[in-house]
Amino acid sequence: MTPEEKSLLLRTHELAEENNAILRSIRRANRWSTFFRIVYWVIIIGAGIGAYYALQPYLMQAADIIHQGQSVLNNLPK
């Protein structure tokens, strides 16, 4: 192997190691991104369910008032 070929081989090896490190960091960032995206949506959906659970008594009361109003209107003489 000539010195020029050996130099080229070493340079190729260094580039391969550098590319491997870059690809690993990209992969790691992608995993973290996926994890935080899942956490984000769990929080959003959980907050929606929690808000509905907290507001449910008021919503049921409003629905009852609306139904009572409809029954009063239906019982009016025509």
C-alpha atoms as a PDB file:
ATOM      1  CA  MET A   1       0.000   0.000   0.000  1.00  0.00           C
ATOM      2  CA  THR A   2       1.449   3.321  -0.995  1.00  0.00           C
ATOM      3  CA  PRO A   3       1.624   6.205   1.469  1.00  0.00           C
ATOM      4  CA  GLU A   4      -0.945   8.101  -0.600  1.00  0.00           C
ATOM      5  CA  GLU A   5      -3.405   5.190  -0.448  1.00  0.00           C
ATOM      6  CA  LYS A   6      -2.821   4.783   3.281  1.00  0.00           C
ATOM      7  CA  SER A   7      -3.428   8.498   3.830  1.00  0.00           C
ATOM      8  CA  LEU A   8      -6.613   8.309   1.789  1.00  0.00           C
ATOM      9  CA  LEU A   9      -7.769   5.248   3.735  1.00  0.00           C
ATOM     10  CA  LEU A  10      -7.136   6.984   7.077  1.00  0.00           C
ATOM     11  CA  ARG A  11      -8.994  10.091   5.887  1.00  0.00           C
ATOM     12  CA  THR A  12     -11.924   7.925   4.779  1.00  0.00           C
ATOM     13  CA  HIS A  13     -11.933   6.200   8.162  1.00  0.00           C
ATOM     14  CA  GLU A  14     -11.963   9.546   9.996  1.00  0.00           C
ATOM     15  CA  LEU A  15     -14.841  10.772   7.841  1.00  0.00           C
ATOM     16  CA  ALA A  16     -16.775   7.565   8.499  1.00  0.00           C
ATOM     17  CA  GLU A  17     -16.319   8.000  12.255  1.00  0.00           C
ATOM     18  CA  GLU A  18     -17.383  11.641  12.056  1.00  0.00           C
ATOM     19  CA  ASN A  19     -20.458  10.728   9.998  1.00  0.00           C
ATOM     20  CA  ASN A  20     -21.312   7.996  12.479  1.00  0.00           C
ATOM     21  CA  ALA A  21     -21.157  10.470  15.370  1.00  0.00           C
ATOM     22  CA  ILE A  22     -23.352  12.955  13.495  1.00  0.00           C
ATOM     23  CA  LEU A  23     -25.885  10.263  12.609  1.00  0.00           C
ATOM     24  CA  ARG A  24     -26.014   9.071  16.209  1.00  0.00           C
ATOM     25  CA  SER A  25     -26.700  12.608  17.444  1.00  0.00           C
ATOM     26  CA  ILE A  26     -29.430  13.057  14.825  1.00  0.00           C
ATOM     27  CA  ARG A  27     -30.983   9.763  15.867  1.00  0.00           C
ATOM     28  CA  ARG A  28     -30.814  10.729  19.552  1.00  0.00           C
ATOM     29  CA  ALA A  29     -32.440  14.090  18.829  1.00  0.00           C
ATOM     30  CA  ASN A  30     -35.169  12.343  16.854  1.00  0.00           C
ATOM     31  CA  ARG A  31     -35.912  10.005  19.766  1.00  0.00           C
ATOM     32  CA  TRP A  32     -36.122  12.915  22.203  1.00  0.00           C
ATOM     33  CA  SER A  33     -38.360  14.785  19.784  1.00  0.00           C
ATOM     34  CA  THR A  34     -40.711  11.812  19.539  1.00  0.00           C
ATOM     35  CA  PHE A  35     -40.759  11.408  23.320  1.00  0.00           C
ATOM     36  CA  PHE A  36     -41.585  15.067  23.939  1.00  0.00           C
ATOM     37  CA  ARG A  37     -44.212  15.063  21.179  1.00  0.00           C
ATOM     38  CA  ILE A  38     -45.948  12.130  22.912  1.00  0.00           C
ATOM     39  CA  VAL A  39     -45.713  13.887  26.293  1.00  0.00           C
ATOM     40  CA  TYR A  40     -47.129  17.068  24.714  1.00  0.00           C
ATOM     41  CA  TRP A  41     -50.169  15.273  23.314  1.00  0.00           C
ATOM     42  CA  VAL A  42     -50.752  13.326  26.539  1.00  0.00           C
ATOM     43  CA  ILE A  43     -50.793  16.642  28.425  1.00  0.00           C
ATOM     44  CA  ILE A  44     -53.131  18.260  25.873  1.00  0.00           C
ATOM     45  CA  ILE A  45     -55.567  15.328  25.897  1.00  0.00           C
ATOM     46  CA  GLY A  46     -55.324  14.987  29.680  1.00  0.00           C
ATOM     47  CA  ALA A  47     -56.041  18.687  30.152  1.00  0.00           C
ATOM     48  CA  GLY A  48     -59.096  18.389  27.898  1.00  0.00           C
ATOM     49  CA  ILE A  49     -60.417  15.406  29.829  1.00  0.00           C
ATOM     50  CA  GLY A  50     -59.672  17.136  33.140  1.00  0.00           C
ATOM     51  CA  ALA A  51     -61.452  20.298  32.011  1.00  0.00           C
ATOM     52  CA  TYR A  52     -64.495  18.282  30.962  1.00  0.00           C
ATOM     53  CA  TYR A  53     -64.471  16.434  34.290  1.00  0.00           C
ATOM     54  CA  ALA A  54     -64.262  19.742  36.180  1.00  0.00           C
ATOM     55  CA  LEU A  55     -66.990  21.407  34.088  1.00  0.00           C
ATOM     56  CA  GLN A  56     -69.304  18.394  33.828  1.00  0.00           C
ATOM     57  CA  PRO A  57     -71.595  19.373  36.757  1.00  0.00           C
ATOM     58  CA  TYR A  58     -72.105  22.828  35.260  1.00  0.00           C
ATOM     59  CA  LEU A  59     -72.707  21.402  31.802  1.00  0.00           C
ATOM     60  CA  MET A  60     -75.261  18.924  33.142  1.00  0.00           C
ATOM     61  CA  GLN A  61     -77.004  21.702  35.059  1.00  0.00           C
ATOM     62  CA  ALA A  62     -77.151  23.847  31.912  1.00  0.00           C
ATOM     63  CA  ALA A  63     -78.517  20.888  29.927  1.00  0.00           C
ATOM     64  CA  ASP A  64     -81.217  20.323  32.565  1.00  0.00           C
ATOM     65  CA  ILE A  65     -82.208  24.000  32.439  1.00  0.00           C
ATOM     66  CA  ILE A  66     -82.469  23.825  28.644  1.00  0.00           C
ATOM     67  CA  HIS A  67     -84.617  20.673  28.824  1.00  0.00           C
ATOM     68  CA  GLN A  68     -86.872  22.280  31.427  1.00  0.00           C
ATOM     69  CA  GLY A  69     -87.254  25.339  29.216  1.00  0.00           C
ATOM     70  CA  GLN A  70     -88.155  23.147  26.250  1.00  0.00           C
ATOM     71  CA  SER A  71     -90.754  21.247  28.260  1.00  0.00           C
ATOM     72  CA  VAL A  72     -92.284  24.543  29.458  1.00  0.00           C
ATOM     73  CA  LEU A  73     -92.457  25.799  25.874  1.00  0.00           C
ATOM     74  CA  ASN A  74     -94.024  22.534  24.707  1.00  0.00           C
ATOM     75  CA  ASN A  75     -96.716  22.755  27.416  1.00  0.00           C
ATOM     76  CA  LEU A  76     -97.809  26.267  26.462  1.00  0.00           C
ATOM     77  CA  PRO A  77    -101.283  26.474  24.937  1.00  0.00           C
ATOM     78  CA  LYS A  78    -101.301  27.039  21.205  1.00  0.00           C
END
